[in-house]
């Protein structure tokens, strides 16, 4: 069973999602997908514009990873609004600004 599912709203099924990956890209980086599978984390890929669906049920989200690689944050005020919104919902956020070459074997995500 593939644990990556794009859906209209987080929490629609009522299942807890360990990690939501927000990105302007169509696919998760291979290294990130491998890390999630090794750690047996449930995850969803959403477009950056889809961050609003997280607010439907923030209690069903563990952590949000925002892929900001290649973005000029000073020219993208939307990114700041996304992060502020996630903070208001008490959702842990990780901002990726550089490509992940090889994940650290001792990394852990608090959920």
PDB file of N, CA and C in Angstrom:
ATOM      1  N   UNK A   1       0.839  -1.176   0.000  1.00  0.00           N
ATOM      2  CA  UNK A   1       0.000   0.000   0.000  1.00  0.00           C
ATOM      3  C   UNK A   1       0.882   1.236   0.000  1.00  0.00           C
ATOM      4  N   UNK A   2       0.628   2.164  -0.910  1.00  0.00           N
ATOM      5  CA  UNK A   2       1.409   3.386  -0.981  1.00  0.00           C
ATOM      6  C   UNK A   2       0.866   4.379   0.033  1.00  0.00           C
ATOM      7  N   UNK A   3       1.739   4.896   0.872  1.00  0.00           N
ATOM      8  CA  UNK A   3       1.296   5.797   1.924  1.00  0.00           C
ATOM      9  C   UNK A   3       1.210   7.242   1.453  1.00  0.00           C
ATOM     10  N   UNK A   4       1.593   7.515   0.212  1.00  0.00           N
ATOM     11  CA  UNK A   4       1.480   8.857  -0.328  1.00  0.00           C
ATOM     12  C   UNK A   4       0.140   8.973  -1.026  1.00  0.00           C
ATOM     13  N   UNK A   5      -0.633   9.924  -0.588  1.00  0.00           N
ATOM     14  CA  UNK A   5      -1.916  10.146  -1.240  1.00  0.00           C
ATOM     15  C   UNK A   5      -2.189  11.632  -1.272  1.00  0.00           C
ATOM     16  N   UNK A   6      -2.511  12.131  -2.457  1.00  0.00           N
ATOM     17  CA  UNK A   6      -2.998  13.491  -2.528  1.00  0.00           C
ATOM     18  C   UNK A   6      -4.494  13.392  -2.329  1.00  0.00           C
ATOM     19  N   UNK A   7      -5.015  14.272  -1.524  1.00  0.00           N
ATOM     20  CA  UNK A   7      -6.445  14.229  -1.303  1.00  0.00           C
ATOM     21  C   UNK A   7      -6.959  15.639  -1.160  1.00  0.00           C
ATOM     22  N   UNK A   8      -8.269  15.783  -1.233  1.00  0.00           N
ATOM     23  CA  UNK A   8      -8.866  17.106  -1.198  1.00  0.00           C
ATOM     24  C   UNK A   8      -8.688  17.770   0.149  1.00  0.00           C
ATOM     25  N   UNK A   9      -8.694  17.024   1.211  1.00  0.00           N
ATOM     26  CA  UNK A   9      -8.540  17.606   2.527  1.00  0.00           C
ATOM     27  C   UNK A   9      -7.860  16.645   3.472  1.00  0.00           C
ATOM     28  N   UNK A  10      -6.972  17.169   4.275  1.00  0.00           N
ATOM     29  CA  UNK A  10      -6.322  16.349   5.284  1.00  0.00           C
ATOM     30  C   UNK A  10      -7.363  16.025   6.340  1.00  0.00           C
ATOM     31  N   UNK A  11      -7.352  14.804   6.787  1.00  0.00           N
ATOM     32  CA  UNK A  11      -8.265  14.422   7.849  1.00  0.00           C
ATOM     33  C   UNK A  11      -9.635  13.997   7.358  1.00  0.00           C
ATOM     34  N   UNK A  12      -9.852  14.033   6.039  1.00  0.00           N
ATOM     35  CA  UNK A  12     -11.145  13.617   5.513  1.00  0.00           C
ATOM     36  C   UNK A  12     -11.431  12.178   5.908  1.00  0.00           C
ATOM     37  N   UNK A  13     -10.409  11.338   5.848  1.00  0.00           N
ATOM     38  CA  UNK A  13     -10.596   9.932   6.202  1.00  0.00           C
ATOM     39  C   UNK A  13     -10.551   9.710   7.714  1.00  0.00           C
ATOM     40  N   UNK A  14     -10.124  10.717   8.473  1.00  0.00           N
ATOM     41  CA  UNK A  14     -10.029  10.581   9.916  1.00  0.00           C
ATOM     42  C   UNK A  14      -8.744   9.946  10.394  1.00  0.00           C
ATOM     43  N   UNK A  15      -7.808   9.675   9.487  1.00  0.00           N
ATOM     44  CA  UNK A  15      -6.536   9.052   9.846  1.00  0.00           C
ATOM     45  C   UNK A  15      -5.481  10.107  10.161  1.00  0.00           C
ATOM     46  N   UNK A  16      -4.653   9.807  11.148  1.00  0.00           N
ATOM     47  CA  UNK A  16      -3.545  10.684  11.498  1.00  0.00           C
ATOM     48  C   UNK A  16      -2.468  10.580  10.418  1.00  0.00           C
ATOM     49  N   UNK A  17      -1.890  11.708  10.037  1.00  0.00           N
ATOM     50  CA  UNK A  17      -0.798  11.750   9.067  1.00  0.00           C
ATOM     51  C   UNK A  17       0.443  12.260   9.781  1.00  0.00           C
ATOM     52  N   UNK A  18       1.510  11.468   9.781  1.00  0.00           N
ATOM     53  CA  UNK A  18       2.736  11.871  10.459  1.00  0.00           C
ATOM     54  C   UNK A  18       3.356  13.106   9.825  1.00  0.00           C
ATOM     55  N   UNK A  19       3.464  13.111   8.493  1.00  0.00           N
ATOM     56  CA  UNK A  19       4.151  14.204   7.798  1.00  0.00           C
ATOM     57  C   UNK A  19       3.354  14.631   6.572  1.00  0.00           C
ATOM     58  N   UNK A  20       3.138  15.937   6.453  1.00  0.00           N
ATOM     59  CA  UNK A  20       2.598  16.515   5.224  1.00  0.00           C
ATOM     60  C   UNK A  20       3.748  17.253   4.562  1.00  0.00           C
ATOM     61  N   UNK A  21       4.004  16.944   3.308  1.00  0.00           N
ATOM     62  CA  UNK A  21       5.105  17.539   2.552  1.00  0.00           C
ATOM     63  C   UNK A  21       4.504  18.539   1.576  1.00  0.00           C
ATOM     64  N   UNK A  22       4.737  19.834   1.814  1.00  0.00           N
ATOM     65  CA  UNK A  22       4.249  20.894   0.929  1.00  0.00           C
ATOM     66  C   UNK A  22       5.345  21.245  -0.059  1.00  0.00           C
ATOM     67  N   UNK A  23       5.012  21.223  -1.341  1.00  0.00           N
ATOM     68  CA  UNK A  23       6.028  21.480  -2.356  1.00  0.00           C
ATOM     69  C   UNK A  23       5.385  22.035  -3.616  1.00  0.00           C
ATOM     70  N   UNK A  24       6.171  22.783  -4.383  1.00  0.00           N
ATOM     71  CA  UNK A  24       5.711  23.233  -5.691  1.00  0.00           C
ATOM     72  C   UNK A  24       6.078  22.214  -6.766  1.00  0.00           C
ATOM     73  N   UNK A  25       6.687  21.118  -6.355  1.00  0.00           N
ATOM     74  CA  UNK A  25       7.073  20.047  -7.278  1.00  0.00           C
ATOM     75  C   UNK A  25       6.013  18.943  -7.253  1.00  0.00           C
ATOM     76  N   UNK A  26       6.003  18.129  -8.283  1.00  0.00           N
ATOM     77  CA  UNK A  26       4.981  17.088  -8.419  1.00  0.00           C
ATOM     78  C   UNK A  26       5.291  15.824  -7.615  1.00  0.00           C
ATOM     79  N   UNK A  27       6.562  15.591  -7.291  1.00  0.00           N
ATOM     80  CA  UNK A  27       6.957  14.364  -6.600  1.00  0.00           C
ATOM     81  C   UNK A  27       7.816  14.674  -5.386  1.00  0.00           C
ATOM     82  N   UNK A  28       7.779  13.757  -4.421  1.00  0.00           N
ATOM     83  CA  UNK A  28       8.684  13.841  -3.282  1.00  0.00           C
ATOM     84  C   UNK A  28      10.086  13.493  -3.748  1.00  0.00           C
ATOM     85  N   UNK A  29      11.113  14.165  -3.212  1.00  0.00           N
ATOM     86  CA  UNK A  29      12.480  13.729  -3.513  1.00  0.00           C
ATOM     87  C   UNK A  29      12.662  12.279  -3.056  1.00  0.00           C
ATOM     88  N   UNK A  30      13.405  11.527  -3.823  1.00  0.00           N
ATOM     89  CA  UNK A  30      13.608  10.101  -3.540  1.00  0.00           C
ATOM     90  C   UNK A  30      14.158   9.892  -2.137  1.00  0.00           C
ATOM     91  N   UNK A  31      15.100  10.737  -1.724  1.00  0.00           N
ATOM     92  CA  UNK A  31      15.722  10.589  -0.408  1.00  0.00           C
ATOM     93  C   UNK A  31      14.704  10.781   0.709  1.00  0.00           C
ATOM     94  N   UNK A  32      13.814  11.739   0.528  1.00  0.00           N
ATOM     95  CA  UNK A  32      12.784  12.010   1.535  1.00  0.00           C
ATOM     96  C   UNK A  32      11.802  10.843   1.598  1.00  0.00           C
ATOM     97  N   UNK A  33      11.366  10.375   0.443  1.00  0.00           N
ATOM     98  CA  UNK A  33      10.441   9.240   0.405  1.00  0.00           C
ATOM     99  C   UNK A  33      11.053   8.020   1.088  1.00  0.00           C
ATOM    100  N   UNK A  34      12.332   7.770   0.817  1.00  0.00           N
ATOM    101  CA  UNK A  34      13.025   6.628   1.428  1.00  0.00           C
ATOM    102  C   UNK A  34      13.068   6.786   2.951  1.00  0.00           C
ATOM    103  N   UNK A  35      13.380   7.992   3.419  1.00  0.00           N
ATOM    104  CA  UNK A  35      13.429   8.251   4.859  1.00  0.00           C
ATOM    105  C   UNK A  35      12.071   7.991   5.506  1.00  0.00           C
ATOM    106  N   UNK A  36      11.011   8.497   4.897  1.00  0.00           N
ATOM    107  CA  UNK A  36       9.673   8.292   5.453  1.00  0.00           C
ATOM    108  C   UNK A  36       9.325   6.807   5.515  1.00  0.00           C
ATOM    109  N   UNK A  37       9.666   6.080   4.481  1.00  0.00           N
ATOM    110  CA  UNK A  37       9.365   4.642   4.466  1.00  0.00           C
ATOM    111  C   UNK A  37      10.187   3.886   5.497  1.00  0.00           C
ATOM    112  N   UNK A  38      11.478   4.242   5.622  1.00  0.00           N
ATOM    113  CA  UNK A  38      12.328   3.572   6.609  1.00  0.00           C
ATOM    114  C   UNK A  38      11.816   3.802   8.021  1.00  0.00           C
ATOM    115  N   UNK A  39      11.345   4.997   8.281  1.00  0.00           N
ATOM    116  CA  UNK A  39      10.838   5.339   9.614  1.00  0.00           C
ATOM    117  C   UNK A  39       9.376   4.935   9.799  1.00  0.00           C
ATOM    118  N   UNK A  40       8.793   4.347   8.739  1.00  0.00           N
ATOM    119  CA  UNK A  40       7.399   3.889   8.761  1.00  0.00           C
ATOM    120  C   UNK A  40       6.436   5.026   9.117  1.00  0.00           C
ATOM    121  N   UNK A  41       6.663   6.178   8.485  1.00  0.00           N
ATOM    122  CA  UNK A  41       5.826   7.347   8.697  1.00  0.00           C
ATOM    123  C   UNK A  41       4.760   7.429   7.612  1.00  0.00           C
ATOM    124  N   UNK A  42       3.568   7.798   8.005  1.00  0.00           N
ATOM    125  CA  UNK A  42       2.549   8.083   6.999  1.00  0.00           C
ATOM    126  C   UNK A  42       2.795   9.499   6.507  1.00  0.00           C
ATOM    127  N   UNK A  43       2.592   9.716   5.213  1.00  0.00           N
ATOM    128  CA  UNK A  43       2.888  11.031   4.651  1.00  0.00           C
ATOM    129  C   UNK A  43       1.978  11.334   3.481  1.00  0.00           C
ATOM    130  N   UNK A  44       1.831  12.622   3.236  1.00  0.00           N
ATOM    131  CA  UNK A  44       1.026  13.102   2.121  1.00  0.00           C
ATOM    132  C   UNK A  44       1.801  14.213   1.427  1.00  0.00           C
ATOM    133  N   UNK A  45       1.678  14.271   0.130  1.00  0.00           N
ATOM    134  CA  UNK A  45       2.266  15.329  -0.673  1.00  0.00           C
ATOM    135  C   UNK A  45       1.152  16.276  -1.081  1.00  0.00           C
ATOM    136  N   UNK A  46       1.325  17.556  -0.764  1.00  0.00           N
ATOM    137  CA  UNK A  46       0.355  18.570  -1.157  1.00  0.00           C
ATOM    138  C   UNK A  46       1.082  19.706  -1.859  1.00  0.00           C
ATOM    139  N   UNK A  47       0.421  20.364  -2.802  1.00  0.00           N
ATOM    140  CA  UNK A  47       1.022  21.561  -3.389  1.00  0.00           C
ATOM    141  C   UNK A  47       1.056  22.673  -2.342  1.00  0.00           C
ATOM    142  N   UNK A  48       1.958  23.633  -2.511  1.00  0.00           N
ATOM    143  CA  UNK A  48       2.046  24.737  -1.551  1.00  0.00           C
ATOM    144  C   UNK A  48       0.695  25.424  -1.371  1.00  0.00           C
ATOM    145  N   UNK A  49      -0.028  25.576  -2.444  1.00  0.00           N
ATOM    146  CA  UNK A  49      -1.337  26.227  -2.359  1.00  0.00           C
ATOM    147  C   UNK A  49      -2.336  25.391  -1.561  1.00  0.00           C
ATOM    148  N   UNK A  50      -2.051  24.121  -1.360  1.00  0.00           N
ATOM    149  CA  UNK A  50      -2.955  23.239  -0.635  1.00  0.00           C
ATOM    150  C   UNK A  50      -2.792  23.279   0.869  1.00  0.00           C
ATOM    151  N   UNK A  51      -1.950  24.178   1.369  1.00  0.00           N
ATOM    152  CA  UNK A  51      -1.712  24.209   2.816  1.00  0.00           C
ATOM    153  C   UNK A  51      -2.986  24.509   3.597  1.00  0.00           C
ATOM    154  N   UNK A  52      -3.928  25.187   2.979  1.00  0.00           N
ATOM    155  CA  UNK A  52      -5.154  25.548   3.694  1.00  0.00           C
ATOM    156  C   UNK A  52      -5.972  24.322   4.088  1.00  0.00           C
ATOM    157  N   UNK A  53      -5.809  23.215   3.368  1.00  0.00           N
ATOM    158  CA  UNK A  53      -6.574  22.015   3.714  1.00  0.00           C
ATOM    159  C   UNK A  53      -6.121  21.411   5.037  1.00  0.00           C
ATOM    160  N   UNK A  54      -4.944  21.796   5.492  1.00  0.00           N
ATOM    161  CA  UNK A  54      -4.436  21.294   6.771  1.00  0.00           C
ATOM    162  C   UNK A  54      -5.283  21.817   7.925  1.00  0.00           C
ATOM    163  N   UNK A  55      -5.873  22.992   7.743  1.00  0.00           N
ATOM    164  CA  UNK A  55      -6.621  23.623   8.830  1.00  0.00           C
ATOM    165  C   UNK A  55      -7.961  22.959   9.111  1.00  0.00           C
ATOM    166  N   UNK A  56      -8.380  22.060   8.246  1.00  0.00           N
ATOM    167  CA  UNK A  56      -9.638  21.350   8.487  1.00  0.00           C
ATOM    168  C   UNK A  56      -9.534  20.527   9.768  1.00  0.00           C
ATOM    169  N   UNK A  57      -8.430  19.806   9.917  1.00  0.00           N
ATOM    170  CA  UNK A  57      -8.200  18.976  11.105  1.00  0.00           C
ATOM    171  C   UNK A  57      -6.727  19.029  11.498  1.00  0.00           C
ATOM    172  N   UNK A  58      -6.248  20.119  12.079  1.00  0.00           N
ATOM    173  CA  UNK A  58      -4.831  20.200  12.446  1.00  0.00           C
ATOM    174  C   UNK A  58      -4.423  19.172  13.496  1.00  0.00           C
ATOM    175  N   UNK A  59      -5.394  18.628  14.222  1.00  0.00           N
ATOM    176  CA  UNK A  59      -5.084  17.609  15.226  1.00  0.00           C
ATOM    177  C   UNK A  59      -4.685  16.278  14.595  1.00  0.00           C
ATOM    178  N   UNK A  60      -4.869  16.144  13.286  1.00  0.00           N
ATOM    179  CA  UNK A  60      -4.515  14.903  12.594  1.00  0.00           C
ATOM    180  C   UNK A  60      -3.211  15.019  11.817  1.00  0.00           C
ATOM    181  N   UNK A  61      -2.429  16.071  12.110  1.00  0.00           N
ATOM    182  CA  UNK A  61      -1.155  16.302  11.428  1.00  0.00           C
ATOM    183  C   UNK A  61      -0.042  16.287  12.467  1.00  0.00           C
ATOM    184  N   UNK A  62       1.030  15.553  12.175  1.00  0.00           N
ATOM    185  CA  UNK A  62       2.181  15.539  13.071  1.00  0.00           C
ATOM    186  C   UNK A  62       3.133  16.678  12.766  1.00  0.00           C
ATOM    187  N   UNK A  63       3.679  16.692  11.574  1.00  0.00           N
ATOM    188  CA  UNK A  63       4.687  17.665  11.170  1.00  0.00           C
ATOM    189  C   UNK A  63       4.444  18.047   9.718  1.00  0.00           C
ATOM    190  N   UNK A  64       4.755  19.295   9.386  1.00  0.00           N
ATOM    191  CA  UNK A  64       4.688  19.747   7.995  1.00  0.00           C
ATOM    192  C   UNK A  64       6.098  20.074   7.539  1.00  0.00           C
ATOM    193  N   UNK A  65       6.493  19.510   6.413  1.00  0.00           N
ATOM    194  CA  UNK A  65       7.779  19.816   5.792  1.00  0.00           C
ATOM    195  C   UNK A  65       7.476  20.678   4.574  1.00  0.00           C
ATOM    196  N   UNK A  66       8.086  21.867   4.525  1.00  0.00           N
ATOM    197  CA  UNK A  66       7.891  22.777   3.397  1.00  0.00           C
ATOM    198  C   UNK A  66       9.145  22.760   2.546  1.00  0.00           C
ATOM    199  N   UNK A  67       8.982  22.390   1.293  1.00  0.00           N
ATOM    200  CA  UNK A  67      10.099  22.367   0.347  1.00  0.00           C
ATOM    201  C   UNK A  67      10.249  23.762  -0.248  1.00  0.00           C
ATOM    202  N   UNK A  68      11.213  24.529   0.258  1.00  0.00           N
ATOM    203  CA  UNK A  68      11.448  25.894  -0.207  1.00  0.00           C
ATOM    204  C   UNK A  68      12.700  25.986  -1.067  1.00  0.00           C
ATOM    205  N   UNK A  69      13.173  24.857  -1.549  1.00  0.00           N
ATOM    206  CA  UNK A  69      14.377  24.836  -2.376  1.00  0.00           C
ATOM    207  C   UNK A  69      14.162  25.683  -3.624  1.00  0.00           C
ATOM    208  N   UNK A  70      15.088  26.579  -3.872  1.00  0.00           N
ATOM    209  CA  UNK A  70      15.033  27.426  -5.054  1.00  0.00           C
ATOM    210  C   UNK A  70      14.111  28.626  -4.920  1.00  0.00           C
ATOM    211  N   UNK A  71      13.454  28.794  -3.791  1.00  0.00           N
ATOM    212  CA  UNK A  71      12.560  29.939  -3.596  1.00  0.00           C
ATOM    213  C   UNK A  71      13.329  31.101  -2.998  1.00  0.00           C
ATOM    214  N   UNK A  72      13.017  32.278  -3.453  1.00  0.00           N
ATOM    215  CA  UNK A  72      13.550  33.486  -2.843  1.00  0.00           C
ATOM    216  C   UNK A  72      12.521  33.921  -1.808  1.00  0.00           C
ATOM    217  N   UNK A  73      12.818  33.682  -0.551  1.00  0.00           N
ATOM    218  CA  UNK A  73      11.835  33.911   0.502  1.00  0.00           C
ATOM    219  C   UNK A  73      11.472  35.379   0.658  1.00  0.00           C
ATOM    220  N   UNK A  74      12.388  36.283   0.305  1.00  0.00           N
ATOM    221  CA  UNK A  74      12.063  37.702   0.413  1.00  0.00           C
ATOM    222  C   UNK A  74      11.062  38.120  -0.661  1.00  0.00           C
ATOM    223  N   UNK A  75      10.972  37.363  -1.742  1.00  0.00           N
ATOM    224  CA  UNK A  75      10.025  37.662  -2.815  1.00  0.00           C
ATOM    225  C   UNK A  75       8.772  36.802  -2.732  1.00  0.00           C
ATOM    226  N   UNK A  76       8.673  35.976  -1.713  1.00  0.00           N
ATOM    227  CA  UNK A  76       7.532  35.078  -1.589  1.00  0.00           C
ATOM    228  C   UNK A  76       6.862  35.261  -0.228  1.00  0.00           C
ATOM    229  N   UNK A  77       6.018  36.289  -0.091  1.00  0.00           N
ATOM    230  CA  UNK A  77       5.362  36.518   1.203  1.00  0.00           C
ATOM    231  C   UNK A  77       4.396  35.395   1.580  1.00  0.00           C
ATOM    232  N   UNK A  78       3.930  34.640   0.596  1.00  0.00           N
ATOM    233  CA  UNK A  78       3.010  33.533   0.872  1.00  0.00           C
ATOM    234  C   UNK A  78       3.649  32.498   1.792  1.00  0.00           C
ATOM    235  N   UNK A  79       4.935  32.273   1.617  1.00  0.00           N
ATOM    236  CA  UNK A  79       5.644  31.304   2.452  1.00  0.00           C
ATOM    237  C   UNK A  79       5.595  31.720   3.921  1.00  0.00           C
ATOM    238  N   UNK A  80       5.784  32.993   4.188  1.00  0.00           N
ATOM    239  CA  UNK A  80       5.686  33.502   5.557  1.00  0.00           C
ATOM    240  C   UNK A  80       4.295  33.314   6.136  1.00  0.00           C
ATOM    241  N   UNK A  81       3.279  33.561   5.321  1.00  0.00           N
ATOM    242  CA  UNK A  81       1.892  33.374   5.787  1.00  0.00           C
ATOM    243  C   UNK A  81       1.605  31.907   6.091  1.00  0.00           C
ATOM    244  N   UNK A  82       2.140  31.026   5.255  1.00  0.00           N
ATOM    245  CA  UNK A  82       1.949  29.594   5.496  1.00  0.00           C
ATOM    246  C   UNK A  82       2.566  29.207   6.835  1.00  0.00           C
ATOM    247  N   UNK A  83       3.795  29.655   7.072  1.00  0.00           N
ATOM    248  CA  UNK A  83       4.481  29.299   8.317  1.00  0.00           C
ATOM    249  C   UNK A  83       3.771  29.878   9.537  1.00  0.00           C
ATOM    250  N   UNK A  84       3.299  31.122   9.455  1.00  0.00           N
ATOM    251  CA  UNK A  84       2.564  31.728  10.566  1.00  0.00           C
ATOM    252  C   UNK A  84       1.274  30.962  10.849  1.00  0.00           C
ATOM    253  N   UNK A  85       0.603  30.569   9.795  1.00  0.00           N
ATOM    254  CA  UNK A  85      -0.643  29.828   9.943  1.00  0.00           C
ATOM    255  C   UNK A  85      -0.408  28.480  10.621  1.00  0.00           C
ATOM    256  N   UNK A  86       0.641  27.782  10.214  1.00  0.00           N
ATOM    257  CA  UNK A  86       0.962  26.492  10.832  1.00  0.00           C
ATOM    258  C   UNK A  86       1.341  26.668  12.300  1.00  0.00           C
ATOM    259  N   UNK A  87       2.045  27.754  12.593  1.00  0.00           N
ATOM    260  CA  UNK A  87       2.419  28.027  13.984  1.00  0.00           C
ATOM    261  C   UNK A  87       1.173  28.278  14.834  1.00  0.00           C
ATOM    262  N   UNK A  88       0.218  29.019  14.294  1.00  0.00           N
ATOM    263  CA  UNK A  88      -1.034  29.265  15.029  1.00  0.00           C
ATOM    264  C   UNK A  88      -1.768  27.965  15.345  1.00  0.00           C
ATOM    265  N   UNK A  89      -1.647  27.002  14.433  1.00  0.00           N
ATOM    266  CA  UNK A  89      -2.302  25.705  14.640  1.00  0.00           C
ATOM    267  C   UNK A  89      -1.452  24.742  15.465  1.00  0.00           C
ATOM    268  N   UNK A  90      -0.315  25.224  15.977  1.00  0.00           N
ATOM    269  CA  UNK A  90       0.600  24.401  16.781  1.00  0.00           C
ATOM    270  C   UNK A  90       1.075  23.154  16.044  1.00  0.00           C
ATOM    271  N   UNK A  91       1.413  23.325  14.775  1.00  0.00           N
ATOM    272  CA  UNK A  91       1.919  22.221  13.963  1.00  0.00           C
ATOM    273  C   UNK A  91       3.412  22.433  13.753  1.00  0.00           C
ATOM    274  N   UNK A  92       4.204  21.432  14.099  1.00  0.00           N
ATOM    275  CA  UNK A  92       5.647  21.503  13.891  1.00  0.00           C
ATOM    276  C   UNK A  92       5.959  21.643  12.408  1.00  0.00           C
ATOM    277  N   UNK A  93       6.921  22.520  12.096  1.00  0.00           N
ATOM    278  CA  UNK A  93       7.243  22.817  10.704  1.00  0.00           C
ATOM    279  C   UNK A  93       8.734  22.699  10.466  1.00  0.00           C
ATOM    280  N   UNK A  94       9.094  22.066   9.350  1.00  0.00           N
ATOM    281  CA  UNK A  94      10.488  21.975   8.915  1.00  0.00           C
ATOM    282  C   UNK A  94      10.571  22.650   7.561  1.00  0.00           C
ATOM    283  N   UNK A  95      11.491  23.583   7.415  1.00  0.00           N
ATOM    284  CA  UNK A  95      11.675  24.308   6.163  1.00  0.00           C
ATOM    285  C   UNK A  95      12.934  23.798   5.481  1.00  0.00           C
ATOM    286  N   UNK A  96      12.769  23.154   4.327  1.00  0.00           N
ATOM    287  CA  UNK A  96      13.911  22.658   3.554  1.00  0.00           C
ATOM    288  C   UNK A  96      14.309  23.733   2.551  1.00  0.00           C
ATOM    289  N   UNK A  97      15.540  24.203   2.646  1.00  0.00           N
ATOM    290  CA  UNK A  97      15.992  25.241   1.724  1.00  0.00           C
ATOM    291  C   UNK A  97      17.068  24.755   0.768  1.00  0.00           C
ATOM    292  N   UNK A  98      17.617  23.583   1.030  1.00  0.00           N
ATOM    293  CA  UNK A  98      18.634  23.008   0.159  1.00  0.00           C
ATOM    294  C   UNK A  98      18.259  21.567  -0.132  1.00  0.00           C
ATOM    295  N   UNK A  99      18.727  21.052  -1.270  1.00  0.00           N
ATOM    296  CA  UNK A  99      18.392  19.662  -1.595  1.00  0.00           C
ATOM    297  C   UNK A  99      18.953  18.692  -0.566  1.00  0.00           C
ATOM    298  N   UNK A 100      18.218  17.632  -0.340  1.00  0.00           N
ATOM    299  CA  UNK A 100      18.657  16.587   0.580  1.00  0.00           C
ATOM    300  C   UNK A 100      19.459  15.588  -0.228  1.00  0.00           C
ATOM    301  N   UNK A 101      20.718  15.449   0.098  1.00  0.00           N
ATOM    302  CA  UNK A 101      21.574  14.535  -0.652  1.00  0.00           C
ATOM    303  C   UNK A 101      21.494  13.121  -0.071  1.00  0.00           C
ATOM    304  N   UNK A 102      21.687  13.013   1.202  1.00  0.00           N
ATOM    305  CA  UNK A 102      21.605  11.712   1.863  1.00  0.00           C
ATOM    306  C   UNK A 102      21.115  11.965   3.277  1.00  0.00           C
ATOM    307  N   UNK A 103      19.974  11.401   3.644  1.00  0.00           N
ATOM    308  CA  UNK A 103      19.458  11.656   4.978  1.00  0.00           C
ATOM    309  C   UNK A 103      20.364  11.094   6.067  1.00  0.00           C
ATOM    310  N   UNK A 104      20.406  11.806   7.158  1.00  0.00           N
ATOM    311  CA  UNK A 104      21.152  11.377   8.330  1.00  0.00           C
ATOM    312  C   UNK A 104      20.447  10.164   8.931  1.00  0.00           C
ATOM    313  N   UNK A 105      21.185   9.120   9.208  1.00  0.00           N
ATOM    314  CA  UNK A 105      20.575   7.889   9.729  1.00  0.00           C
ATOM    315  C   UNK A 105      19.971   8.081  11.116  1.00  0.00           C
ATOM    316  N   UNK A 106      20.412   9.097  11.841  1.00  0.00           N
ATOM    317  CA  UNK A 106      19.902   9.281  13.195  1.00  0.00           C
ATOM    318  C   UNK A 106      18.795  10.332  13.262  1.00  0.00           C
ATOM    319  N   UNK A 107      18.296  10.778  12.108  1.00  0.00           N
ATOM    320  CA  UNK A 107      17.260  11.798  12.121  1.00  0.00           C
ATOM    321  C   UNK A 107      15.966  11.232  12.693  1.00  0.00           C
ATOM    322  N   UNK A 108      15.239  12.060  13.393  1.00  0.00           N
ATOM    323  CA  UNK A 108      13.930  11.633  13.881  1.00  0.00           C
ATOM    324  C   UNK A 108      12.977  12.809  13.766  1.00  0.00           C
ATOM    325  N   UNK A 109      11.740  12.511  13.458  1.00  0.00           N
ATOM    326  CA  UNK A 109      10.702  13.523  13.383  1.00  0.00           C
ATOM    327  C   UNK A 109       9.802  13.350  14.585  1.00  0.00           C
ATOM    328  N   UNK A 110       9.623  14.405  15.325  1.00  0.00           N
ATOM    329  CA  UNK A 110       8.738  14.347  16.483  1.00  0.00           C
ATOM    330  C   UNK A 110       7.308  14.445  15.997  1.00  0.00           C
ATOM    331  N   UNK A 111       6.512  13.474  16.366  1.00  0.00           N
ATOM    332  CA  UNK A 111       5.105  13.511  15.966  1.00  0.00           C
ATOM    333  C   UNK A 111       4.221  13.404  17.174  1.00  0.00           C
TER     334      UNK A 111
END
